[in-house]
Amino acid sequence: MKKLLLLFTVLSFFIVLTGCKDEPPSIRIKNERQNKANVQIQQTNSNTININDVAGGTTSGYQDVAEGGKTATAVIQSEQVSPSINFSTSNDNNYTIVILNEATPKLRVDVSSK
């Protein structure tokens, strides 16, 4: 009985330690258009992240960012319009900025848990 209680205590401690760890938010770009795009992400802490050369029909890898407000602007090759979107990020989430394949380029942000 003592061994079972000790095992339960150690297991509970391990679960609490691993369950309370926050992972920083991550961002990636999904380009649904045909032309290459460069995306600039301005953070509220004044840092700027650039995810460049995202080819048409591809998705970039994730990049960790700080929590908080963001403004994403896409510059699409051979396009006159540079769409922007404002959103906020929080720990333990992945964010995909989608460059939509519409007549006029638009951005959408999809969120999923890590």
N, C-alpha and C. Protein backbone atom coordinates (compact mmCIF):
# COMPACT_ATOMS: atom_id res chain seq x y z
N MET A 1 0.82 -1.19 0.00
CA MET A 1 0.00 0.00 0.00
C MET A 1 0.87 1.27 0.00
N LYS A 2 1.96 1.22 0.77
CA LYS A 2 2.86 2.38 0.83
C LYS A 2 3.51 2.63 -0.54
N LYS A 3 3.88 1.55 -1.23
CA LYS A 3 4.49 1.70 -2.55
C LYS A 3 3.50 2.29 -3.55
N LEU A 4 2.26 1.88 -3.44
CA LEU A 4 1.22 2.41 -4.33
C LEU A 4 0.99 3.90 -4.07
N LEU A 5 0.97 4.29 -2.80
CA LEU A 5 0.80 5.69 -2.44
C LEU A 5 1.99 6.52 -2.93
N LEU A 6 3.19 5.99 -2.77
CA LEU A 6 4.40 6.69 -3.23
C LEU A 6 4.37 6.84 -4.75
N LEU A 7 3.99 5.78 -5.46
CA LEU A 7 3.90 5.84 -6.92
C LEU A 7 2.87 6.88 -7.36
N PHE A 8 1.74 6.91 -6.70
CA PHE A 8 0.70 7.89 -7.03
C PHE A 8 1.18 9.31 -6.77
N THR A 9 1.90 9.54 -5.69
CA THR A 9 2.42 10.87 -5.37
C THR A 9 3.45 11.33 -6.40
N VAL A 10 4.36 10.45 -6.78
CA VAL A 10 5.38 10.79 -7.78
C VAL A 10 4.73 11.06 -9.13
N LEU A 11 3.77 10.24 -9.51
CA LEU A 11 3.07 10.43 -10.77
C LEU A 11 2.29 11.75 -10.78
N SER A 12 1.63 12.07 -9.69
CA SER A 12 0.90 13.34 -9.59
C SER A 12 1.84 14.54 -9.70
N PHE A 13 2.99 14.46 -9.05
CA PHE A 13 3.97 15.54 -9.11
C PHE A 13 4.46 15.74 -10.54
N PHE A 14 4.74 14.64 -11.25
CA PHE A 14 5.20 14.71 -12.64
C PHE A 14 4.13 15.34 -13.54
N ILE A 15 2.89 14.97 -13.35
CA ILE A 15 1.79 15.53 -14.15
C ILE A 15 1.65 17.02 -13.90
N VAL A 16 1.75 17.45 -12.67
CA VAL A 16 1.64 18.88 -12.34
C VAL A 16 2.77 19.66 -12.99
N LEU A 17 3.99 19.14 -12.93
CA LEU A 17 5.13 19.85 -13.51
C LEU A 17 5.02 19.98 -15.02
N THR A 18 4.62 18.93 -15.69
CA THR A 18 4.54 18.99 -17.15
C THR A 18 3.29 19.71 -17.63
N GLY A 19 2.22 19.67 -16.87
CA GLY A 19 0.97 20.30 -17.27
C GLY A 19 0.97 21.81 -17.12
N CYS A 20 1.85 22.35 -16.32
CA CYS A 20 1.86 23.79 -16.06
C CYS A 20 2.84 24.57 -16.94
N LYS A 21 3.54 23.90 -17.80
CA LYS A 21 4.54 24.57 -18.63
C LYS A 21 3.86 25.23 -19.82
N ASP A 22 4.02 26.54 -19.95
CA ASP A 22 3.47 27.28 -21.09
C ASP A 22 4.45 27.25 -22.25
N GLU A 23 3.93 27.00 -23.44
CA GLU A 23 4.74 27.09 -24.65
C GLU A 23 4.42 28.40 -25.34
N PRO A 24 5.43 29.09 -25.87
CA PRO A 24 5.16 30.36 -26.55
C PRO A 24 4.32 30.14 -27.80
N PRO A 25 3.55 31.17 -28.19
CA PRO A 25 2.77 31.05 -29.43
C PRO A 25 3.70 30.92 -30.64
N SER A 26 3.20 30.26 -31.68
CA SER A 26 3.95 30.09 -32.92
C SER A 26 3.11 30.57 -34.09
N ILE A 27 3.80 31.11 -35.10
CA ILE A 27 3.12 31.62 -36.30
C ILE A 27 3.75 30.99 -37.54
N ARG A 28 2.89 30.70 -38.52
CA ARG A 28 3.37 30.27 -39.83
C ARG A 28 2.50 30.94 -40.89
N ILE A 29 2.94 30.88 -42.14
CA ILE A 29 2.23 31.49 -43.26
C ILE A 29 1.79 30.39 -44.22
N LYS A 30 0.53 30.46 -44.63
CA LYS A 30 0.01 29.58 -45.68
C LYS A 30 -0.40 30.47 -46.85
N ASN A 31 0.25 30.27 -47.98
CA ASN A 31 0.01 31.10 -49.15
C ASN A 31 -0.85 30.33 -50.15
N GLU A 32 -2.13 30.69 -50.24
CA GLU A 32 -3.05 30.02 -51.16
C GLU A 32 -3.04 30.65 -52.56
N ARG A 33 -2.31 31.73 -52.74
CA ARG A 33 -2.24 32.38 -54.05
C ARG A 33 -1.14 31.71 -54.88
N GLN A 34 -1.02 32.13 -56.14
CA GLN A 34 -0.01 31.54 -57.03
C GLN A 34 1.35 32.19 -56.91
N ASN A 35 1.39 33.47 -56.51
CA ASN A 35 2.65 34.20 -56.47
C ASN A 35 3.29 34.17 -55.08
N LYS A 36 4.60 34.31 -55.08
CA LYS A 36 5.38 34.33 -53.85
C LYS A 36 4.97 35.52 -52.98
N ALA A 37 5.04 35.34 -51.64
CA ALA A 37 4.66 36.41 -50.71
C ALA A 37 5.71 36.57 -49.61
N ASN A 38 5.86 37.80 -49.16
CA ASN A 38 6.65 38.15 -47.99
C ASN A 38 5.69 38.71 -46.96
N VAL A 39 5.79 38.23 -45.70
CA VAL A 39 4.88 38.69 -44.66
C VAL A 39 5.69 39.31 -43.52
N GLN A 40 5.29 40.51 -43.15
CA GLN A 40 5.91 41.22 -42.03
C GLN A 40 4.92 41.21 -40.87
N ILE A 41 5.40 40.78 -39.69
CA ILE A 41 4.55 40.72 -38.51
C ILE A 41 5.11 41.70 -37.49
N GLN A 42 4.36 42.76 -37.24
CA GLN A 42 4.75 43.78 -36.27
C GLN A 42 4.13 43.42 -34.93
N GLN A 43 4.97 43.32 -33.89
CA GLN A 43 4.50 42.98 -32.55
C GLN A 43 4.37 44.24 -31.71
N THR A 44 3.54 44.17 -30.67
CA THR A 44 3.33 45.34 -29.82
C THR A 44 4.60 45.74 -29.07
N ASN A 45 5.54 44.82 -28.90
CA ASN A 45 6.80 45.16 -28.23
C ASN A 45 7.81 45.77 -29.20
N SER A 46 7.35 46.20 -30.38
CA SER A 46 8.15 46.88 -31.40
C SER A 46 9.07 45.95 -32.19
N ASN A 47 9.09 44.67 -31.88
CA ASN A 47 9.89 43.74 -32.68
C ASN A 47 9.11 43.38 -33.95
N THR A 48 9.84 43.21 -35.03
CA THR A 48 9.23 42.83 -36.30
C THR A 48 9.80 41.49 -36.74
N ILE A 49 8.92 40.62 -37.20
CA ILE A 49 9.32 39.32 -37.72
C ILE A 49 8.99 39.30 -39.20
N ASN A 50 9.92 38.86 -40.02
CA ASN A 50 9.69 38.72 -41.45
C ASN A 50 9.74 37.24 -41.83
N ILE A 51 8.71 36.79 -42.51
CA ILE A 51 8.70 35.44 -43.07
C ILE A 51 8.61 35.66 -44.58
N ASN A 52 9.73 35.46 -45.25
CA ASN A 52 9.85 35.83 -46.66
C ASN A 52 9.86 34.62 -47.59
N ASP A 53 9.57 34.92 -48.85
CA ASP A 53 9.67 33.94 -49.94
C ASP A 53 8.80 32.70 -49.72
N VAL A 54 7.55 32.93 -49.29
CA VAL A 54 6.60 31.82 -49.16
C VAL A 54 5.98 31.62 -50.54
N ALA A 55 6.38 30.56 -51.21
CA ALA A 55 5.91 30.29 -52.57
C ALA A 55 4.41 30.04 -52.60
N GLY A 56 3.81 30.30 -53.74
CA GLY A 56 2.39 30.04 -53.91
C GLY A 56 2.06 28.58 -53.66
N GLY A 57 0.97 28.34 -52.94
CA GLY A 57 0.54 26.98 -52.66
C GLY A 57 1.34 26.25 -51.60
N THR A 58 2.17 26.98 -50.83
CA THR A 58 2.98 26.33 -49.80
C THR A 58 2.70 26.95 -48.43
N THR A 59 3.23 26.30 -47.41
CA THR A 59 3.10 26.76 -46.02
C THR A 59 4.49 26.79 -45.41
N SER A 60 4.82 27.87 -44.72
CA SER A 60 6.12 27.99 -44.06
C SER A 60 6.13 27.16 -42.77
N GLY A 61 7.30 27.03 -42.19
CA GLY A 61 7.40 26.39 -40.88
C GLY A 61 6.97 27.35 -39.79
N TYR A 62 6.72 26.81 -38.60
CA TYR A 62 6.32 27.65 -37.46
C TYR A 62 7.52 28.42 -36.92
N GLN A 63 7.24 29.60 -36.40
CA GLN A 63 8.25 30.43 -35.75
C GLN A 63 7.65 30.93 -34.44
N ASP A 64 8.37 30.74 -33.32
CA ASP A 64 7.89 31.20 -32.02
C ASP A 64 7.90 32.72 -31.96
N VAL A 65 6.88 33.28 -31.30
CA VAL A 65 6.75 34.72 -31.13
C VAL A 65 6.35 35.00 -29.68
N ALA A 66 6.36 36.27 -29.31
CA ALA A 66 5.91 36.68 -27.99
C ALA A 66 4.39 36.77 -27.97
N GLU A 67 3.83 36.68 -26.78
CA GLU A 67 2.39 36.88 -26.63
C GLU A 67 2.05 38.33 -26.90
N GLY A 68 0.80 38.57 -27.30
CA GLY A 68 0.34 39.95 -27.45
C GLY A 68 -0.18 40.27 -28.83
N GLY A 69 -0.43 41.55 -29.04
CA GLY A 69 -1.01 42.02 -30.29
C GLY A 69 -0.02 41.97 -31.45
N LYS A 70 -0.56 41.71 -32.62
CA LYS A 70 0.24 41.62 -33.84
C LYS A 70 -0.51 42.28 -34.99
N THR A 71 0.26 42.80 -35.95
CA THR A 71 -0.27 43.25 -37.23
C THR A 71 0.55 42.56 -38.30
N ALA A 72 -0.14 41.79 -39.15
CA ALA A 72 0.54 41.08 -40.24
C ALA A 72 0.19 41.77 -41.55
N THR A 73 1.21 42.00 -42.38
CA THR A 73 1.03 42.60 -43.70
C THR A 73 1.74 41.73 -44.72
N ALA A 74 1.01 41.36 -45.78
CA ALA A 74 1.58 40.52 -46.83
C ALA A 74 1.87 41.36 -48.07
N VAL A 75 3.08 41.22 -48.58
CA VAL A 75 3.45 41.82 -49.86
C VAL A 75 3.55 40.67 -50.86
N ILE A 76 2.65 40.67 -51.82
CA ILE A 76 2.54 39.57 -52.76
C ILE A 76 3.13 40.00 -54.11
N GLN A 77 4.00 39.17 -54.63
CA GLN A 77 4.67 39.47 -55.90
C GLN A 77 3.63 39.71 -57.00
N SER A 78 3.83 40.78 -57.77
CA SER A 78 2.97 41.17 -58.90
C SER A 78 1.56 41.58 -58.49
N GLU A 79 1.36 41.97 -57.24
CA GLU A 79 0.05 42.42 -56.76
C GLU A 79 0.15 43.87 -56.29
N GLN A 80 -0.89 44.65 -56.53
CA GLN A 80 -0.93 46.04 -56.10
C GLN A 80 -1.36 46.18 -54.64
N VAL A 81 -2.16 45.22 -54.16
CA VAL A 81 -2.73 45.29 -52.80
C VAL A 81 -1.85 44.51 -51.84
N SER A 82 -1.61 45.11 -50.66
CA SER A 82 -0.88 44.43 -49.58
C SER A 82 -1.82 44.31 -48.39
N PRO A 83 -2.52 43.18 -48.27
CA PRO A 83 -3.51 43.04 -47.19
C PRO A 83 -2.86 42.97 -45.82
N SER A 84 -3.60 43.45 -44.81
CA SER A 84 -3.15 43.43 -43.42
C SER A 84 -4.25 42.87 -42.54
N ILE A 85 -3.84 42.38 -41.36
CA ILE A 85 -4.80 41.91 -40.37
C ILE A 85 -4.20 42.11 -38.98
N ASN A 86 -5.04 42.49 -38.02
CA ASN A 86 -4.65 42.62 -36.62
C ASN A 86 -5.19 41.42 -35.86
N PHE A 87 -4.36 40.87 -34.97
CA PHE A 87 -4.78 39.75 -34.14
C PHE A 87 -3.91 39.70 -32.89
N SER A 88 -4.28 38.84 -31.96
CA SER A 88 -3.53 38.70 -30.72
C SER A 88 -3.14 37.25 -30.53
N THR A 89 -1.96 37.01 -29.97
CA THR A 89 -1.48 35.66 -29.73
C THR A 89 -1.38 35.39 -28.24
N SER A 90 -1.54 34.11 -27.88
CA SER A 90 -1.39 33.69 -26.48
C SER A 90 -0.66 32.35 -26.43
N ASN A 91 -0.06 32.07 -25.28
CA ASN A 91 0.72 30.85 -25.11
C ASN A 91 -0.11 29.61 -25.44
N ASP A 92 0.60 28.56 -25.80
CA ASP A 92 0.02 27.23 -26.07
C ASP A 92 -0.85 27.19 -27.32
N ASN A 93 -0.68 28.14 -28.24
CA ASN A 93 -1.45 28.15 -29.48
C ASN A 93 -0.54 28.31 -30.69
N ASN A 94 -0.96 27.71 -31.80
CA ASN A 94 -0.34 27.89 -33.11
C ASN A 94 -1.25 28.78 -33.95
N TYR A 95 -0.65 29.68 -34.71
CA TYR A 95 -1.40 30.61 -35.55
C TYR A 95 -0.93 30.45 -36.99
N THR A 96 -1.89 30.32 -37.90
CA THR A 96 -1.58 30.25 -39.32
C THR A 96 -2.20 31.46 -40.00
N ILE A 97 -1.34 32.31 -40.57
CA ILE A 97 -1.82 33.45 -41.34
C ILE A 97 -2.02 32.96 -42.77
N VAL A 98 -3.26 32.96 -43.21
CA VAL A 98 -3.60 32.42 -44.53
C VAL A 98 -3.78 33.58 -45.51
N ILE A 99 -3.03 33.54 -46.60
CA ILE A 99 -3.21 34.51 -47.68
C ILE A 99 -4.22 33.89 -48.63
N LEU A 100 -5.44 34.42 -48.61
CA LEU A 100 -6.55 33.82 -49.33
C LEU A 100 -6.45 34.07 -50.83
N ASN A 101 -6.88 33.09 -51.60
CA ASN A 101 -6.86 33.17 -53.05
C ASN A 101 -8.21 33.70 -53.53
N GLU A 102 -8.41 35.00 -53.35
CA GLU A 102 -9.63 35.67 -53.80
C GLU A 102 -9.26 36.73 -54.82
N ALA A 103 -10.25 37.33 -55.45
CA ALA A 103 -9.98 38.35 -56.46
C ALA A 103 -9.09 39.46 -55.89
N THR A 104 -9.42 39.92 -54.70
CA THR A 104 -8.59 40.88 -53.98
C THR A 104 -7.95 40.13 -52.82
N PRO A 105 -6.63 40.16 -52.69
CA PRO A 105 -5.97 39.41 -51.61
C PRO A 105 -6.48 39.82 -50.23
N LYS A 106 -6.71 38.84 -49.39
CA LYS A 106 -7.13 39.07 -48.00
C LYS A 106 -6.37 38.09 -47.12
N LEU A 107 -6.31 38.42 -45.82
CA LEU A 107 -5.66 37.55 -44.84
C LEU A 107 -6.70 37.03 -43.86
N ARG A 108 -6.45 35.80 -43.38
CA ARG A 108 -7.26 35.19 -42.33
C ARG A 108 -6.29 34.55 -41.35
N VAL A 109 -6.65 34.52 -40.07
CA VAL A 109 -5.81 33.88 -39.06
C VAL A 109 -6.54 32.68 -38.48
N ASP A 110 -5.94 31.49 -38.62
CA ASP A 110 -6.49 30.27 -38.03
C ASP A 110 -5.70 29.97 -36.77
N VAL A 111 -6.39 29.50 -35.71
CA VAL A 111 -5.76 29.20 -34.43
C VAL A 111 -5.99 27.74 -34.08
N SER A 112 -4.95 27.09 -33.57
CA SER A 112 -5.08 25.72 -33.06
C SER A 112 -4.22 25.57 -31.80
N SER A 113 -4.60 24.65 -30.95
CA SER A 113 -3.84 24.40 -29.72
C SER A 113 -2.60 23.62 -30.04
N LYS A 114 -1.55 23.85 -29.24
CA LYS A 114 -0.30 23.09 -29.41
C LYS A 114 -0.46 21.72 -28.79
